[in-house]
Amino acid sequence: MSASNLPTPSGNSLAAPDLRGYRPGQSLMAQARALASADDAMLAALAEAGVPAVLARDLGRALDITPRHFFRDLLGTNRSAAEKKAFTDAPLPAAAGRIALALLRLLGRAEALRGGGPGFDVARWLGRWIEQPQDGLQGRRPAEALGSAEGLAAVLELLETEARRPG
């Protein structure tokens, strides 16, 4: 089954981006927008198909998170191995790919909710926001909750609440 033709629970096909074709210089935001409304099943199928390490590397850069922290602490993978995979056009390990996809989904939702007006870098904002302890997560950072479907749902809900706040 190709990643671009995934079944939904109702049996219909849902268009999904084929991330395996991602190349540096392509629009990371286009990938994020495509995943903004993705469900857990789609994210799992895309992770299984393989998330290019180069896409994750570009995501970490866009979020303005140091590579060591991004790969080791957020994605739970070895930075040097991931950088080598990015250079050789190989996919991340599945668990790291799932978290990268969750971050891409968050980025797409953040752009839809917060906008991206002049002078506002939604990716950098999100990179800072996921590192801040949040009361809605019992003082945990959103970055710590991305490893599970339940954690991602809680972070998405918190992001929706945050986006509705003035300022």
Protein backbone atom coordinates (compact mmCIF):
# COMPACT_ATOMS: atom_id res chain seq x y z
CA MET A 1 0.00 0.00 0.00
CA SER A 2 1.49 3.35 -0.96
CA ALA A 3 1.62 6.14 1.57
CA SER A 4 -0.37 8.34 -0.77
CA ASN A 5 -3.43 6.05 -0.74
CA LEU A 6 -4.20 5.08 2.83
CA PRO A 7 -7.50 3.47 3.89
CA THR A 8 -9.60 5.19 6.50
CA PRO A 9 -11.75 3.33 9.06
CA SER A 10 -14.75 3.93 6.79
CA GLY A 11 -12.95 2.20 3.93
CA ASN A 12 -12.45 5.38 1.89
CA SER A 13 -9.03 6.47 0.73
CA LEU A 14 -7.52 9.54 2.30
CA ALA A 15 -4.86 11.47 0.40
CA ALA A 16 -1.60 11.49 2.29
CA PRO A 17 1.72 12.97 1.33
CA ASP A 18 4.38 10.61 0.08
CA LEU A 19 7.15 11.76 2.37
CA ARG A 20 9.69 9.39 0.87
CA GLY A 21 10.11 11.81 -2.04
CA TYR A 22 11.01 14.76 0.19
CA ARG A 23 14.21 16.57 -0.79
CA PRO A 24 16.03 19.46 0.93
CA GLY A 25 14.75 22.77 -0.31
CA GLN A 26 11.19 21.54 -0.75
CA SER A 27 8.55 23.22 1.32
CA LEU A 28 8.54 21.78 4.81
CA MET A 29 5.41 23.82 5.51
CA ALA A 30 3.63 22.11 2.61
CA GLN A 31 4.33 18.76 4.30
CA ALA A 32 3.16 20.18 7.65
CA ARG A 33 -0.05 21.52 6.11
CA ALA A 34 -0.75 18.14 4.52
CA LEU A 35 -0.43 16.47 7.93
CA ALA A 36 -2.30 19.11 9.97
CA SER A 37 -5.51 17.07 10.01
CA ALA A 38 -3.93 13.61 9.79
CA ASP A 39 -5.23 11.01 12.21
CA ASP A 40 -3.19 8.55 14.25
CA ALA A 41 -3.68 5.75 11.72
CA MET A 42 -2.31 7.89 8.91
CA LEU A 43 0.70 8.95 10.98
CA ALA A 44 1.40 5.32 11.86
CA ALA A 45 1.17 4.24 8.22
CA LEU A 46 3.45 7.06 7.09
CA ALA A 47 5.97 6.20 9.80
CA GLU A 48 5.88 2.56 8.73
CA ALA A 49 6.48 3.60 5.10
CA GLY A 50 9.54 5.53 6.27
CA VAL A 51 10.18 9.14 7.25
CA PRO A 52 13.24 10.54 5.48
CA ALA A 53 15.93 11.59 7.93
CA VAL A 54 16.56 14.66 5.79
CA LEU A 55 12.98 15.81 6.43
CA ALA A 56 13.54 15.44 10.18
CA ARG A 57 16.83 17.33 9.93
CA ASP A 58 15.10 20.19 8.10
CA LEU A 59 12.29 20.15 10.66
CA GLY A 60 14.73 20.47 13.55
CA ARG A 61 16.38 23.40 11.80
CA ALA A 62 13.03 25.10 11.15
CA LEU A 63 12.07 24.68 14.81
CA ASP A 64 15.45 26.19 15.72
CA ILE A 65 16.35 23.28 17.99
CA THR A 66 19.97 22.19 18.20
CA PRO A 67 20.60 18.97 16.26
CA ARG A 68 21.90 17.09 19.29
CA HIS A 69 18.85 17.96 21.39
CA PHE A 70 16.42 17.44 18.50
CA PHE A 71 17.60 13.97 17.52
CA ARG A 72 18.61 12.61 20.93
CA ASP A 73 16.03 14.13 23.25
CA LEU A 74 13.00 14.76 21.05
CA LEU A 75 13.22 11.97 18.48
CA GLY A 76 15.06 9.50 20.74
CA THR A 77 17.64 8.55 18.15
CA ASN A 78 21.37 8.94 17.64
CA ARG A 79 22.24 12.28 16.04
CA SER A 80 25.25 11.09 14.05
CA ALA A 81 23.37 8.07 12.72
CA ALA A 82 20.42 10.28 11.76
CA GLU A 83 22.70 12.80 10.04
CA LYS A 84 24.32 9.95 8.10
CA LYS A 85 20.84 8.70 7.11
CA ALA A 86 19.98 12.23 5.94
CA PHE A 87 23.10 12.28 3.77
CA THR A 88 22.37 8.84 2.28
CA ASP A 89 18.64 9.49 1.78
CA ALA A 90 17.61 6.79 4.27
CA PRO A 91 14.60 6.75 6.61
CA LEU A 92 14.62 7.27 10.36
CA PRO A 93 13.88 4.39 12.71
CA ALA A 94 10.08 4.01 12.95
CA ALA A 95 9.77 5.37 16.52
CA ALA A 96 11.75 8.51 15.65
CA GLY A 97 9.73 8.86 12.45
CA ARG A 98 6.45 8.81 14.41
CA ILE A 99 7.64 11.65 16.63
CA ALA A 100 8.91 13.65 13.64
CA LEU A 101 5.48 13.23 12.02
CA ALA A 102 3.79 14.35 15.24
CA LEU A 103 5.95 17.48 15.20
CA LEU A 104 5.09 18.11 11.54
CA ARG A 105 1.41 17.72 12.38
CA LEU A 106 1.79 20.19 15.25
CA LEU A 107 3.55 22.63 12.94
CA GLY A 108 0.70 22.43 10.44
CA ARG A 109 -1.89 22.97 13.17
CA ALA A 110 0.12 25.83 14.69
CA GLU A 111 0.23 27.60 11.34
CA ALA A 112 -3.50 27.11 10.82
CA LEU A 113 -4.28 28.40 14.32
CA ARG A 114 -1.69 31.12 14.83
CA GLY A 115 -1.18 32.21 11.26
CA GLY A 116 2.13 33.18 9.80
CA GLY A 117 1.93 36.90 9.32
CA PRO A 118 4.84 39.19 8.52
CA GLY A 119 7.63 38.86 11.06
CA PHE A 120 6.11 35.81 12.74
CA ASP A 121 7.98 32.53 12.29
CA VAL A 122 5.49 29.87 13.32
CA ALA A 123 8.12 27.10 13.26
CA ARG A 124 10.43 28.97 15.66
CA TRP A 125 7.46 29.82 17.88
CA LEU A 126 6.50 26.14 18.00
CA GLY A 127 10.09 25.12 18.70
CA ARG A 128 10.11 27.35 21.77
CA TRP A 129 6.58 26.44 22.86
CA ILE A 130 7.16 22.67 22.91
CA GLU A 131 10.11 23.22 25.26
CA GLN A 132 8.14 25.20 27.86
CA PRO A 133 6.48 23.42 30.80
CA GLN A 134 2.70 23.67 30.44
CA ASP A 135 0.12 23.66 33.21
CA GLY A 136 -2.25 21.73 30.92
CA LEU A 137 0.31 18.88 30.87
CA GLN A 138 0.86 18.87 34.64
CA GLY A 139 4.02 20.93 34.24
CA ARG A 140 5.52 18.72 31.52
CA ARG A 141 6.88 20.09 28.27
CA PRO A 142 4.85 19.28 25.12
CA ALA A 143 8.02 17.75 23.63
CA GLU A 144 7.92 15.08 26.35
CA ALA A 145 4.40 13.97 25.40
CA LEU A 146 4.82 13.37 21.67
CA GLY A 147 5.79 9.70 21.91
CA SER A 148 2.22 8.42 22.33
CA ALA A 149 -1.08 9.00 20.57
CA GLU A 150 -2.63 10.12 23.86
CA GLY A 151 0.22 12.56 24.51
CA LEU A 152 -0.03 14.00 21.01
CA ALA A 153 -3.80 14.44 21.45
CA ALA A 154 -3.21 16.30 24.73
CA VAL A 155 -0.59 18.54 23.09
CA LEU A 156 -2.87 19.28 20.12
CA GLU A 157 -5.68 20.21 22.51
CA LEU A 158 -3.32 22.45 24.48
CA LEU A 159 -2.10 24.06 21.24
CA GLU A 160 -5.72 24.82 20.28
CA THR A 161 -6.26 26.48 23.68
CA GLU A 162 -2.99 28.42 23.41
CA ALA A 163 -3.86 29.66 19.93
CA ARG A 164 -7.18 31.08 21.14
CA ARG A 165 -5.44 33.25 23.74
CA PRO A 166 -5.09 36.92 22.79
CA GLY A 167 -1.59 38.10 21.97
